[in-house]
Amino acid sequence: MATILVLDAEADSRMLLKRLLEREGHEVITSGDRRDALEMAVNRRLDLAIVNVDAGRRNTSPVGQLLKEANSGLRILVITDFLHDECKEILAESEVLLRPVELDTIEARVRDLLALDDHAQ
């Protein structure tokens, strides 16, 4: 299966996503820190990064772009309350989920994004 990085400041959210994705057979690594996540993206082969962004922090665009630059071909899934214009420039519609979002929607979007990689190979 895939190797997925979950970047989320909230430990409970990281663990929930980790359990959900591991049930699907994926290897999941987690981080609560942007720098740590970027280091992981440089040093490991990742198939997907899920970035859970706090509405008060306008950092989705730089984090998403940096992760993509650090790991060629990496798919990004951003979960956020508000999508600002800078994000729209670098993220496809399939790479964004606006809260509130159901767990089955996250699972389906992960499957869809990973399937894009399968078709590209």
PDB file of N, CA and C in Angstrom:
ATOM      1  N   MET A   1       0.834  -1.179   0.000  1.00  0.00           N
ATOM      2  CA  MET A   1       0.000   0.000   0.000  1.00  0.00           C
ATOM      3  C   MET A   1       0.883   1.247   0.000  1.00  0.00           C
ATOM      4  N   ALA A   2       0.299   2.371   0.347  1.00  0.00           N
ATOM      5  CA  ALA A   2       0.974   3.661   0.259  1.00  0.00           C
ATOM      6  C   ALA A   2       1.605   4.065   1.583  1.00  0.00           C
ATOM      7  N   THR A   3       2.571   4.983   1.472  1.00  0.00           N
ATOM      8  CA  THR A   3       3.149   5.625   2.648  1.00  0.00           C
ATOM      9  C   THR A   3       2.569   7.027   2.704  1.00  0.00           C
ATOM     10  N   ILE A   4       1.932   7.333   3.829  1.00  0.00           N
ATOM     11  CA  ILE A   4       1.198   8.596   3.975  1.00  0.00           C
ATOM     12  C   ILE A   4       1.737   9.356   5.181  1.00  0.00           C
ATOM     13  N   LEU A   5       1.997  10.638   4.969  1.00  0.00           N
ATOM     14  CA  LEU A   5       2.397  11.543   6.038  1.00  0.00           C
ATOM     15  C   LEU A   5       1.173  12.337   6.477  1.00  0.00           C
ATOM     16  N   VAL A   6       0.917  12.376   7.780  1.00  0.00           N
ATOM     17  CA  VAL A   6      -0.171  13.189   8.333  1.00  0.00           C
ATOM     18  C   VAL A   6       0.467  14.310   9.142  1.00  0.00           C
ATOM     19  N   LEU A   7       0.235  15.543   8.701  1.00  0.00           N
ATOM     20  CA  LEU A   7       0.724  16.727   9.403  1.00  0.00           C
ATOM     21  C   LEU A   7      -0.467  17.442  10.018  1.00  0.00           C
ATOM     22  N   ASP A   8      -0.504  17.463  11.340  1.00  0.00           N
ATOM     23  CA  ASP A   8      -1.620  18.080  12.058  1.00  0.00           C
ATOM     24  C   ASP A   8      -1.110  18.511  13.426  1.00  0.00           C
ATOM     25  N   ALA A   9      -1.428  19.715  13.831  1.00  0.00           N
ATOM     26  CA  ALA A   9      -0.991  20.222  15.131  1.00  0.00           C
ATOM     27  C   ALA A   9      -1.661  19.490  16.291  1.00  0.00           C
ATOM     28  N   GLU A  10      -2.831  18.923  16.056  1.00  0.00           N
ATOM     29  CA  GLU A  10      -3.591  18.246  17.108  1.00  0.00           C
ATOM     30  C   GLU A  10      -3.251  16.757  17.169  1.00  0.00           C
ATOM     31  N   ALA A  11      -2.742  16.313  18.297  1.00  0.00           N
ATOM     32  CA  ALA A  11      -2.350  14.909  18.463  1.00  0.00           C
ATOM     33  C   ALA A  11      -3.538  13.959  18.263  1.00  0.00           C
ATOM     34  N   ASP A  12      -4.708  14.319  18.765  1.00  0.00           N
ATOM     35  CA  ASP A  12      -5.885  13.454  18.613  1.00  0.00           C
ATOM     36  C   ASP A  12      -6.257  13.277  17.142  1.00  0.00           C
ATOM     37  N   SER A  13      -6.197  14.346  16.381  1.00  0.00           N
ATOM     38  CA  SER A  13      -6.501  14.268  14.945  1.00  0.00           C
ATOM     39  C   SER A  13      -5.485  13.397  14.223  1.00  0.00           C
ATOM     40  N   ARG A  14      -4.204  13.561  14.564  1.00  0.00           N
ATOM     41  CA  ARG A  14      -3.160  12.729  13.950  1.00  0.00           C
ATOM     42  C   ARG A  14      -3.426  11.253  14.209  1.00  0.00           C
ATOM     43  N   MET A  15      -3.751  10.914  15.446  1.00  0.00           N
ATOM     44  CA  MET A  15      -3.964   9.504  15.793  1.00  0.00           C
ATOM     45  C   MET A  15      -5.216   8.949  15.128  1.00  0.00           C
ATOM     46  N   LEU A  16      -6.273   9.744  15.042  1.00  0.00           N
ATOM     47  CA  LEU A  16      -7.494   9.307  14.378  1.00  0.00           C
ATOM     48  C   LEU A  16      -7.224   8.998  12.902  1.00  0.00           C
ATOM     49  N   LEU A  17      -6.547   9.910  12.217  1.00  0.00           N
ATOM     50  CA  LEU A  17      -6.225   9.683  10.812  1.00  0.00           C
ATOM     51  C   LEU A  17      -5.274   8.500  10.646  1.00  0.00           C
ATOM     52  N   LYS A  18      -4.312   8.378  11.551  1.00  0.00           N
ATOM     53  CA  LYS A  18      -3.371   7.259  11.494  1.00  0.00           C
ATOM     54  C   LYS A  18      -4.117   5.924  11.586  1.00  0.00           C
ATOM     55  N   ARG A  19      -4.999   5.797  12.553  1.00  0.00           N
ATOM     56  CA  ARG A  19      -5.774   4.550  12.716  1.00  0.00           C
ATOM     57  C   ARG A  19      -6.653   4.268  11.501  1.00  0.00           C
ATOM     58  N   LEU A  20      -7.313   5.304  11.018  1.00  0.00           N
ATOM     59  CA  LEU A  20      -8.193   5.174   9.860  1.00  0.00           C
ATOM     60  C   LEU A  20      -7.413   4.656   8.648  1.00  0.00           C
ATOM     61  N   LEU A  21      -6.268   5.247   8.385  1.00  0.00           N
ATOM     62  CA  LEU A  21      -5.485   4.892   7.203  1.00  0.00           C
ATOM     63  C   LEU A  21      -4.755   3.561   7.363  1.00  0.00           C
ATOM     64  N   GLU A  22      -4.318   3.259   8.566  1.00  0.00           N
ATOM     65  CA  GLU A  22      -3.667   1.956   8.795  1.00  0.00           C
ATOM     66  C   GLU A  22      -4.664   0.819   8.617  1.00  0.00           C
ATOM     67  N   ARG A  23      -5.917   1.043   8.962  1.00  0.00           N
ATOM     68  CA  ARG A  23      -6.963   0.035   8.732  1.00  0.00           C
ATOM     69  C   ARG A  23      -7.070  -0.326   7.256  1.00  0.00           C
ATOM     70  N   GLU A  24      -6.750   0.647   6.401  1.00  0.00           N
ATOM     71  CA  GLU A  24      -6.780   0.445   4.951  1.00  0.00           C
ATOM     72  C   GLU A  24      -5.485  -0.184   4.442  1.00  0.00           C
ATOM     73  N   GLY A  25      -4.532  -0.433   5.360  1.00  0.00           N
ATOM     74  CA  GLY A  25      -3.288  -1.090   4.983  1.00  0.00           C
ATOM     75  C   GLY A  25      -2.133  -0.166   4.647  1.00  0.00           C
ATOM     76  N   HIS A  26      -2.296   1.132   4.872  1.00  0.00           N
ATOM     77  CA  HIS A  26      -1.243   2.092   4.554  1.00  0.00           C
ATOM     78  C   HIS A  26      -0.242   2.210   5.693  1.00  0.00           C
ATOM     79  N   GLU A  27       0.992   2.552   5.347  1.00  0.00           N
ATOM     80  CA  GLU A  27       1.984   2.932   6.356  1.00  0.00           C
ATOM     81  C   GLU A  27       1.771   4.415   6.607  1.00  0.00           C
ATOM     82  N   VAL A  28       1.615   4.803   7.870  1.00  0.00           N
ATOM     83  CA  VAL A  28       1.316   6.192   8.203  1.00  0.00           C
ATOM     84  C   VAL A  28       2.369   6.711   9.170  1.00  0.00           C
ATOM     85  N   ILE A  29       2.950   7.852   8.800  1.00  0.00           N
ATOM     86  CA  ILE A  29       3.846   8.556   9.705  1.00  0.00           C
ATOM     87  C   ILE A  29       3.197   9.895  10.026  1.00  0.00           C
ATOM     88  N   THR A  30       3.389  10.364  11.236  1.00  0.00           N
ATOM     89  CA  THR A  30       2.705  11.582  11.661  1.00  0.00           C
ATOM     90  C   THR A  30       3.693  12.621  12.155  1.00  0.00           C
ATOM     91  N   SER A  31       3.244  13.859  12.086  1.00  0.00           N
ATOM     92  CA  SER A  31       4.036  14.967  12.604  1.00  0.00           C
ATOM     93  C   SER A  31       3.099  16.089  13.026  1.00  0.00           C
ATOM     94  N   GLY A  32       3.472  16.764  14.073  1.00  0.00           N
ATOM     95  CA  GLY A  32       2.743  17.944  14.517  1.00  0.00           C
ATOM     96  C   GLY A  32       3.505  19.216  14.197  1.00  0.00           C
ATOM     97  N   ASP A  33       4.636  19.068  13.491  1.00  0.00           N
ATOM     98  CA  ASP A  33       5.535  20.184  13.239  1.00  0.00           C
ATOM     99  C   ASP A  33       5.875  20.278  11.751  1.00  0.00           C
ATOM    100  N   ARG A  34       5.732  21.457  11.171  1.00  0.00           N
ATOM    101  CA  ARG A  34       6.002  21.650   9.741  1.00  0.00           C
ATOM    102  C   ARG A  34       7.428  21.298   9.353  1.00  0.00           C
ATOM    103  N   ARG A  35       8.396  21.738  10.139  1.00  0.00           N
ATOM    104  CA  ARG A  35       9.802  21.463   9.798  1.00  0.00           C
ATOM    105  C   ARG A  35      10.091  19.966   9.810  1.00  0.00           C
ATOM    106  N   ASP A  36       9.563  19.293  10.807  1.00  0.00           N
ATOM    107  CA  ASP A  36       9.727  17.849  10.912  1.00  0.00           C
ATOM    108  C   ASP A  36       9.094  17.156   9.698  1.00  0.00           C
ATOM    109  N   ALA A  37       7.917  17.605   9.306  1.00  0.00           N
ATOM    110  CA  ALA A  37       7.223  17.025   8.153  1.00  0.00           C
ATOM    111  C   ALA A  37       8.018  17.247   6.873  1.00  0.00           C
ATOM    112  N   LEU A  38       8.591  18.430   6.711  1.00  0.00           N
ATOM    113  CA  LEU A  38       9.403  18.704   5.525  1.00  0.00           C
ATOM    114  C   LEU A  38      10.644  17.822   5.485  1.00  0.00           C
ATOM    115  N   GLU A  39      11.237  17.603   6.634  1.00  0.00           N
ATOM    116  CA  GLU A  39      12.401  16.708   6.699  1.00  0.00           C
ATOM    117  C   GLU A  39      12.011  15.285   6.295  1.00  0.00           C
ATOM    118  N   MET A  40      10.866  14.842   6.769  1.00  0.00           N
ATOM    119  CA  MET A  40      10.384  13.513   6.388  1.00  0.00           C
ATOM    120  C   MET A  40      10.157  13.427   4.883  1.00  0.00           C
ATOM    121  N   ALA A  41       9.605  14.495   4.304  1.00  0.00           N
ATOM    122  CA  ALA A  41       9.331  14.512   2.861  1.00  0.00           C
ATOM    123  C   ALA A  41      10.620  14.452   2.051  1.00  0.00           C
ATOM    124  N   VAL A  42      11.683  15.017   2.574  1.00  0.00           N
ATOM    125  CA  VAL A  42      12.973  14.987   1.887  1.00  0.00           C
ATOM    126  C   VAL A  42      13.612  13.609   2.011  1.00  0.00           C
ATOM    127  N   ASN A  43      13.493  12.983   3.166  1.00  0.00           N
ATOM    128  CA  ASN A  43      14.242  11.768   3.476  1.00  0.00           C
ATOM    129  C   ASN A  43      13.505  10.461   3.230  1.00  0.00           C
ATOM    130  N   ARG A  44      12.235  10.519   2.889  1.00  0.00           N
ATOM    131  CA  ARG A  44      11.450   9.294   2.682  1.00  0.00           C
ATOM    132  C   ARG A  44      10.651   9.388   1.402  1.00  0.00           C
ATOM    133  N   ARG A  45      10.365   8.236   0.850  1.00  0.00           N
ATOM    134  CA  ARG A  45       9.450   8.214  -0.290  1.00  0.00           C
ATOM    135  C   ARG A  45       8.043   8.221   0.282  1.00  0.00           C
ATOM    136  N   LEU A  46       7.292   9.240  -0.079  1.00  0.00           N
ATOM    137  CA  LEU A  46       5.916   9.371   0.384  1.00  0.00           C
ATOM    138  C   LEU A  46       4.994   9.380  -0.830  1.00  0.00           C
ATOM    139  N   ASP A  47       3.820   8.797  -0.670  1.00  0.00           N
ATOM    140  CA  ASP A  47       2.831   8.799  -1.735  1.00  0.00           C
ATOM    141  C   ASP A  47       1.811   9.914  -1.565  1.00  0.00           C
ATOM    142  N   LEU A  48       1.556  10.268  -0.313  1.00  0.00           N
ATOM    143  CA  LEU A  48       0.521  11.257  -0.026  1.00  0.00           C
ATOM    144  C   LEU A  48       0.846  11.941   1.292  1.00  0.00           C
ATOM    145  N   ALA A  49       0.554  13.240   1.352  1.00  0.00           N
ATOM    146  CA  ALA A  49       0.638  13.977   2.611  1.00  0.00           C
ATOM    147  C   ALA A  49      -0.729  14.579   2.889  1.00  0.00           C
ATOM    148  N   ILE A  50      -1.223  14.363   4.091  1.00  0.00           N
ATOM    149  CA  ILE A  50      -2.474  14.978   4.531  1.00  0.00           C
ATOM    150  C   ILE A  50      -2.093  16.092   5.490  1.00  0.00           C
ATOM    151  N   VAL A  51      -2.456  17.313   5.120  1.00  0.00           N
ATOM    152  CA  VAL A  51      -2.108  18.491   5.908  1.00  0.00           C
ATOM    153  C   VAL A  51      -3.400  19.069   6.462  1.00  0.00           C
ATOM    154  N   ASN A  52      -3.535  18.995   7.783  1.00  0.00           N
ATOM    155  CA  ASN A  52      -4.720  19.520   8.450  1.00  0.00           C
ATOM    156  C   ASN A  52      -4.391  20.924   8.934  1.00  0.00           C
ATOM    157  N   VAL A  53      -5.056  21.919   8.360  1.00  0.00           N
ATOM    158  CA  VAL A  53      -4.682  23.305   8.600  1.00  0.00           C
ATOM    159  C   VAL A  53      -5.717  24.024   9.440  1.00  0.00           C
ATOM    160  N   ASP A  54      -5.240  24.689  10.449  1.00  0.00           N
ATOM    161  CA  ASP A  54      -6.022  25.514  11.353  1.00  0.00           C
ATOM    162  C   ASP A  54      -6.463  26.781  10.602  1.00  0.00           C
ATOM    163  N   ALA A  55      -7.720  27.160  10.751  1.00  0.00           N
ATOM    164  CA  ALA A  55      -8.258  28.318  10.028  1.00  0.00           C
ATOM    165  C   ALA A  55      -7.522  29.608  10.359  1.00  0.00           C
ATOM    166  N   GLY A  56      -7.010  29.728  11.550  1.00  0.00           N
ATOM    167  CA  GLY A  56      -6.323  30.951  11.946  1.00  0.00           C
ATOM    168  C   GLY A  56      -4.905  31.049  11.413  1.00  0.00           C
ATOM    169  N   ARG A  57      -4.391  29.965  10.838  1.00  0.00           N
ATOM    170  CA  ARG A  57      -3.009  29.953  10.341  1.00  0.00           C
ATOM    171  C   ARG A  57      -3.046  29.861   8.825  1.00  0.00           C
ATOM    172  N   ARG A  58      -2.546  30.868   8.184  1.00  0.00           N
ATOM    173  CA  ARG A  58      -2.575  30.908   6.724  1.00  0.00           C
ATOM    174  C   ARG A  58      -1.271  30.311   6.195  1.00  0.00           C
ATOM    175  N   ASN A  59      -1.062  29.029   6.441  1.00  0.00           N
ATOM    176  CA  ASN A  59       0.198  28.406   6.055  1.00  0.00           C
ATOM    177  C   ASN A  59       0.028  27.234   5.106  1.00  0.00           C
ATOM    178  N   THR A  60      -1.154  27.010   4.615  1.00  0.00           N
ATOM    179  CA  THR A  60      -1.385  25.862   3.747  1.00  0.00           C
ATOM    180  C   THR A  60      -0.552  25.939   2.488  1.00  0.00           C
ATOM    181  N   SER A  61      -0.569  27.084   1.851  1.00  0.00           N
ATOM    182  CA  SER A  61       0.118  27.236   0.580  1.00  0.00           C
ATOM    183  C   SER A  61       1.610  26.955   0.695  1.00  0.00           C
ATOM    184  N   PRO A  62       2.331  27.615   1.607  1.00  0.00           N
ATOM    185  CA  PRO A  62       3.760  27.327   1.685  1.00  0.00           C
ATOM    186  C   PRO A  62       4.059  25.882   2.076  1.00  0.00           C
ATOM    187  N   VAL A  63       3.314  25.320   3.003  1.00  0.00           N
ATOM    188  CA  VAL A  63       3.574  23.938   3.417  1.00  0.00           C
ATOM    189  C   VAL A  63       3.309  22.984   2.264  1.00  0.00           C
ATOM    190  N   GLY A  64       2.178  23.132   1.613  1.00  0.00           N
ATOM    191  CA  GLY A  64       1.857  22.268   0.484  1.00  0.00           C
ATOM    192  C   GLY A  64       2.897  22.361  -0.621  1.00  0.00           C
ATOM    193  N   GLN A  65       3.293  23.579  -0.964  1.00  0.00           N
ATOM    194  CA  GLN A  65       4.293  23.782  -2.019  1.00  0.00           C
ATOM    195  C   GLN A  65       5.638  23.187  -1.613  1.00  0.00           C
ATOM    196  N   LEU A  66       6.064  23.427  -0.392  1.00  0.00           N
ATOM    197  CA  LEU A  66       7.353  22.904   0.077  1.00  0.00           C
ATOM    198  C   LEU A  66       7.364  21.380   0.106  1.00  0.00           C
ATOM    199  N   LEU A  67       6.257  20.776   0.544  1.00  0.00           N
ATOM    200  CA  LEU A  67       6.189  19.312   0.553  1.00  0.00           C
ATOM    201  C   LEU A  67       6.280  18.760  -0.866  1.00  0.00           C
ATOM    202  N   LYS A  68       5.594  19.406  -1.803  1.00  0.00           N
ATOM    203  CA  LYS A  68       5.643  18.959  -3.195  1.00  0.00           C
ATOM    204  C   LYS A  68       7.044  19.102  -3.778  1.00  0.00           C
ATOM    205  N   GLU A  69       7.719  20.196  -3.438  1.00  0.00           N
ATOM    206  CA  GLU A  69       9.079  20.412  -3.930  1.00  0.00           C
ATOM    207  C   GLU A  69      10.054  19.420  -3.304  1.00  0.00           C
ATOM    208  N   ALA A  70       9.828  19.058  -2.043  1.00  0.00           N
ATOM    209  CA  ALA A  70      10.734  18.154  -1.333  1.00  0.00           C
ATOM    210  C   ALA A  70      10.592  16.709  -1.794  1.00  0.00           C
ATOM    211  N   ASN A  71       9.436  16.358  -2.342  1.00  0.00           N
ATOM    212  CA  ASN A  71       9.167  14.968  -2.688  1.00  0.00           C
ATOM    213  C   ASN A  71       8.422  14.943  -4.024  1.00  0.00           C
ATOM    214  N   SER A  72       9.159  14.793  -5.076  1.00  0.00           N
ATOM    215  CA  SER A  72       8.604  14.857  -6.428  1.00  0.00           C
ATOM    216  C   SER A  72       7.437  13.882  -6.611  1.00  0.00           C
ATOM    217  N   GLY A  73       6.349  14.387  -7.151  1.00  0.00           N
ATOM    218  CA  GLY A  73       5.185  13.549  -7.406  1.00  0.00           C
ATOM    219  C   GLY A  73       4.278  13.344  -6.212  1.00  0.00           C
ATOM    220  N   LEU A  74       4.626  13.930  -5.085  1.00  0.00           N
ATOM    221  CA  LEU A  74       3.821  13.768  -3.872  1.00  0.00           C
ATOM    222  C   LEU A  74       2.441  14.389  -4.052  1.00  0.00           C
ATOM    223  N   ARG A  75       1.433  13.636  -3.700  1.00  0.00           N
ATOM    224  CA  ARG A  75       0.061  14.147  -3.679  1.00  0.00           C
ATOM    225  C   ARG A  75      -0.190  14.774  -2.313  1.00  0.00           C
ATOM    226  N   ILE A  76      -0.986  15.828  -2.298  1.00  0.00           N
ATOM    227  CA  ILE A  76      -1.314  16.542  -1.069  1.00  0.00           C
ATOM    228  C   ILE A  76      -2.827  16.520  -0.889  1.00  0.00           C
ATOM    229  N   LEU A  77      -3.272  16.301   0.337  1.00  0.00           N
ATOM    230  CA  LEU A  77      -4.676  16.469   0.691  1.00  0.00           C
ATOM    231  C   LEU A  77      -4.719  17.439   1.859  1.00  0.00           C
ATOM    232  N   VAL A  78      -5.315  18.597   1.637  1.00  0.00           N
ATOM    233  CA  VAL A  78      -5.413  19.623   2.666  1.00  0.00           C
ATOM    234  C   VAL A  78      -6.815  19.579   3.256  1.00  0.00           C
ATOM    235  N   ILE A  79      -6.876  19.554   4.577  1.00  0.00           N
ATOM    236  CA  ILE A  79      -8.144  19.639   5.290  1.00  0.00           C
ATOM    237  C   ILE A  79      -8.123  20.974   6.023  1.00  0.00           C
ATOM    238  N   THR A  80      -9.088  21.833   5.721  1.00  0.00           N
ATOM    239  CA  THR A  80      -9.049  23.191   6.254  1.00  0.00           C
ATOM    240  C   THR A  80     -10.454  23.747   6.442  1.00  0.00           C
ATOM    241  N   ASP A  81     -10.537  24.838   7.183  1.00  0.00           N
ATOM    242  CA  ASP A  81     -11.803  25.541   7.373  1.00  0.00           C
ATOM    243  C   ASP A  81     -12.024  26.587   6.286  1.00  0.00           C
ATOM    244  N   PHE A  82     -10.934  27.087   5.723  1.00  0.00           N
ATOM    245  CA  PHE A  82     -11.015  28.202   4.800  1.00  0.00           C
ATOM    246  C   PHE A  82      -9.899  28.081   3.778  1.00  0.00           C
ATOM    247  N   LEU A  83     -10.235  28.141   2.525  1.00  0.00           N
ATOM    248  CA  LEU A  83      -9.253  28.030   1.454  1.00  0.00           C
ATOM    249  C   LEU A  83      -8.987  29.417   0.876  1.00  0.00           C
ATOM    250  N   HIS A  84      -7.816  29.952   1.171  1.00  0.00           N
ATOM    251  CA  HIS A  84      -7.512  31.280   0.658  1.00  0.00           C
ATOM    252  C   HIS A  84      -6.941  31.198  -0.759  1.00  0.00           C
ATOM    253  N   ASP A  85      -6.893  32.333  -1.430  1.00  0.00           N
ATOM    254  CA  ASP A  85      -6.552  32.386  -2.850  1.00  0.00           C
ATOM    255  C   ASP A  85      -5.186  31.782  -3.181  1.00  0.00           C
ATOM    256  N   GLU A  86      -4.195  31.952  -2.312  1.00  0.00           N
ATOM    257  CA  GLU A  86      -2.874  31.401  -2.590  1.00  0.00           C
ATOM    258  C   GLU A  86      -2.926  29.881  -2.704  1.00  0.00           C
ATOM    259  N   CYS A  87      -3.764  29.253  -1.887  1.00  0.00           N
ATOM    260  CA  CYS A  87      -3.907  27.798  -1.949  1.00  0.00           C
ATOM    261  C   CYS A  87      -4.479  27.364  -3.282  1.00  0.00           C
ATOM    262  N   LYS A  88      -5.447  28.109  -3.755  1.00  0.00           N
ATOM    263  CA  LYS A  88      -6.118  27.749  -4.998  1.00  0.00           C
ATOM    264  C   LYS A  88      -5.148  27.726  -6.176  1.00  0.00           C
ATOM    265  N   GLU A  89      -4.062  28.471  -6.073  1.00  0.00           N
ATOM    266  CA  GLU A  89      -3.082  28.524  -7.155  1.00  0.00           C
ATOM    267  C   GLU A  89      -2.246  27.254  -7.245  1.00  0.00           C
ATOM    268  N   ILE A  90      -2.017  26.568  -6.125  1.00  0.00           N
ATOM    269  CA  ILE A  90      -1.136  25.391  -6.161  1.00  0.00           C
ATOM    270  C   ILE A  90      -1.856  24.077  -5.921  1.00  0.00           C
ATOM    271  N   LEU A  91      -3.088  24.127  -5.463  1.00  0.00           N
ATOM    272  CA  LEU A  91      -3.806  22.903  -5.133  1.00  0.00           C
ATOM    273  C   LEU A  91      -4.958  22.667  -6.102  1.00  0.00           C
ATOM    274  N   ALA A  92      -5.081  21.439  -6.542  1.00  0.00           N
ATOM    275  CA  ALA A  92      -6.223  21.058  -7.369  1.00  0.00           C
ATOM    276  C   ALA A  92      -7.444  20.885  -6.462  1.00  0.00           C
ATOM    277  N   GLU A  93      -8.619  20.955  -7.037  1.00  0.00           N
ATOM    278  CA  GLU A  93      -9.847  20.788  -6.261  1.00  0.00           C
ATOM    279  C   GLU A  93      -9.850  19.446  -5.520  1.00  0.00           C
ATOM    280  N   SER A  94      -9.292  18.416  -6.142  1.00  0.00           N
ATOM    281  CA  SER A  94      -9.258  17.089  -5.520  1.00  0.00           C
ATOM    282  C   SER A  94      -8.330  17.025  -4.313  1.00  0.00           C
ATOM    283  N   GLU A  95      -7.499  18.057  -4.130  1.00  0.00           N
ATOM    284  CA  GLU A  95      -6.532  18.058  -3.035  1.00  0.00           C
ATOM    285  C   GLU A  95      -7.013  18.832  -1.814  1.00  0.00           C
ATOM    286  N   VAL A  96      -8.283  19.235  -1.797  1.00  0.00           N
ATOM    287  CA  VAL A  96      -8.780  20.059  -0.698  1.00  0.00           C
ATOM    288  C   VAL A  96     -10.103  19.510  -0.172  1.00  0.00           C
ATOM    289  N   LEU A  97     -10.198  19.425   1.146  1.00  0.00           N
ATOM    290  CA  LEU A  97     -11.470  19.112   1.813  1.00  0.00           C
ATOM    291  C   LEU A  97     -11.733  20.227   2.818  1.00  0.00           C
ATOM    292  N   LEU A  98     -12.929  20.797   2.752  1.00  0.00           N
ATOM    293  CA  LEU A  98     -13.309  21.847   3.693  1.00  0.00           C
ATOM    294  C   LEU A  98     -14.085  21.228   4.848  1.00  0.00           C
ATOM    295  N   ARG A  99     -13.740  21.630   6.068  1.00  0.00           N
ATOM    296  CA  ARG A  99     -14.446  21.153   7.256  1.00  0.00           C
ATOM    297  C   ARG A  99     -15.834  21.750   7.323  1.00  0.00           C
ATOM    298  N   PRO A 100     -16.747  21.036   7.932  1.00  0.00           N
ATOM    299  CA  PRO A 100     -16.604  19.702   8.531  1.00  0.00           C
ATOM    300  C   PRO A 100     -16.553  18.633   7.446  1.00  0.00           C
ATOM    301  N   VAL A 101     -15.825  17.575   7.724  1.00  0.00           N
ATOM    302  CA  VAL A 101     -15.664  16.501   6.755  1.00  0.00           C
ATOM    303  C   VAL A 101     -15.800  15.155   7.469  1.00  0.00           C
ATOM    304  N   GLU A 102     -16.507  14.252   6.839  1.00  0.00           N
ATOM    305  CA  GLU A 102     -16.731  12.917   7.395  1.00  0.00           C
ATOM    306  C   GLU A 102     -15.515  12.031   7.134  1.00  0.00           C
ATOM    307  N   LEU A 103     -15.279  11.063   8.007  1.00  0.00           N
ATOM    308  CA  LEU A 103     -14.147  10.154   7.842  1.00  0.00           C
ATOM    309  C   LEU A 103     -14.239   9.348   6.553  1.00  0.00           C
ATOM    310  N   ASP A 104     -15.451   8.937   6.172  1.00  0.00           N
ATOM    311  CA  ASP A 104     -15.572   8.173   4.926  1.00  0.00           C
ATOM    312  C   ASP A 104     -15.237   9.023   3.705  1.00  0.00           C
ATOM    313  N   THR A 105     -15.450  10.339   3.801  1.00  0.00           N
ATOM    314  CA  THR A 105     -15.063  11.247   2.714  1.00  0.00           C
ATOM    315  C   THR A 105     -13.549  11.334   2.616  1.00  0.00           C
ATOM    316  N   ILE A 106     -12.881  11.377   3.755  1.00  0.00           N
ATOM    317  CA  ILE A 106     -11.412  11.391   3.754  1.00  0.00           C
ATOM    318  C   ILE A 106     -10.890  10.101   3.148  1.00  0.00           C
ATOM    319  N   GLU A 107     -11.439   8.962   3.570  1.00  0.00           N
ATOM    320  CA  GLU A 107     -11.018   7.667   3.014  1.00  0.00           C
ATOM    321  C   GLU A 107     -11.191   7.629   1.504  1.00  0.00           C
ATOM    322  N   ALA A 108     -12.329   8.096   1.016  1.00  0.00           N
ATOM    323  CA  ALA A 108     -12.603   8.074  -0.422  1.00  0.00           C
ATOM    324  C   ALA A 108     -11.635   8.981  -1.173  1.00  0.00           C
ATOM    325  N   ARG A 109     -11.377  10.162  -0.638  1.00  0.00           N
ATOM    326  CA  ARG A 109     -10.458  11.092  -1.310  1.00  0.00           C
ATOM    327  C   ARG A 109      -9.040  10.536  -1.331  1.00  0.00           C
ATOM    328  N   VAL A 110      -8.612   9.907  -0.243  1.00  0.00           N
ATOM    329  CA  VAL A 110      -7.290   9.267  -0.216  1.00  0.00           C
ATOM    330  C   VAL A 110      -7.210   8.200  -1.302  1.00  0.00           C
ATOM    331  N   ARG A 111      -8.218   7.359  -1.400  1.00  0.00           N
ATOM    332  CA  ARG A 111      -8.237   6.321  -2.449  1.00  0.00           C
ATOM    333  C   ARG A 111      -8.143   6.944  -3.836  1.00  0.00           C
ATOM    334  N   ASP A 112      -8.906   8.009  -4.053  1.00  0.00           N
ATOM    335  CA  ASP A 112      -8.900   8.675  -5.353  1.00  0.00           C
ATOM    336  C   ASP A 112      -7.530   9.257  -5.687  1.00  0.00           C
ATOM    337  N   LEU A 113      -6.916   9.938  -4.732  1.00  0.00           N
ATOM    338  CA  LEU A 113      -5.608  10.548  -4.983  1.00  0.00           C
ATOM    339  C   LEU A 113      -4.533   9.491  -5.214  1.00  0.00           C
ATOM    340  N   LEU A 114      -4.594   8.403  -4.466  1.00  0.00           N
ATOM    341  CA  LEU A 114      -3.609   7.332  -4.660  1.00  0.00           C
ATOM    342  C   LEU A 114      -3.835   6.617  -5.986  1.00  0.00           C
ATOM    343  N   ALA A 115      -5.078   6.512  -6.418  1.00  0.00           N
ATOM    344  CA  ALA A 115      -5.379   5.886  -7.709  1.00  0.00           C
ATOM    345  C   ALA A 115      -4.821   6.708  -8.860  1.00  0.00           C
ATOM    346  N   LEU A 116      -4.759   8.030  -8.697  1.00  0.00           N
ATOM    347  CA  LEU A 116      -4.155   8.877  -9.723  1.00  0.00           C
ATOM    348  C   LEU A 116      -2.703   8.487  -9.949  1.00  0.00           C
ATOM    349  N   ASP A 117      -1.993   8.179  -8.869  1.00  0.00           N
ATOM    350  CA  ASP A 117      -0.602   7.739  -8.983  1.00  0.00           C
ATOM    351  C   ASP A 117      -0.514   6.410  -9.691  1.00  0.00           C
ATOM    352  N   ASP A 118      -1.438   5.481  -9.389  1.00  0.00           N
ATOM    353  CA  ASP A 118      -1.433   4.174 -10.028  1.00  0.00           C
ATOM    354  C   ASP A 118      -1.610   4.294 -11.536  1.00  0.00           C
ATOM    355  N   HIS A 119      -2.477   5.223 -11.967  1.00  0.00           N
ATOM    356  CA  HIS A 119      -2.748   5.401 -13.391  1.00  0.00           C
ATOM    357  C   HIS A 119      -1.584   6.090 -14.097  1.00  0.00           C
ATOM    358  N   ALA A 120      -0.821   6.887 -13.358  1.00  0.00           N
ATOM    359  CA  ALA A 120       0.296   7.624 -13.955  1.00  0.00           C
ATOM    360  C   ALA A 120       1.501   6.721 -14.206  1.00  0.00           C
ATOM    361  N   GLN A 121       1.573   5.592 -13.518  1.00  0.00           N
ATOM    362  CA  GLN A 121       2.755   4.723 -13.636  1.00  0.00           C
ATOM    363  C   GLN A 121       2.648   3.776 -14.799  1.00  0.00           C
TER     364      GLN A 121
END
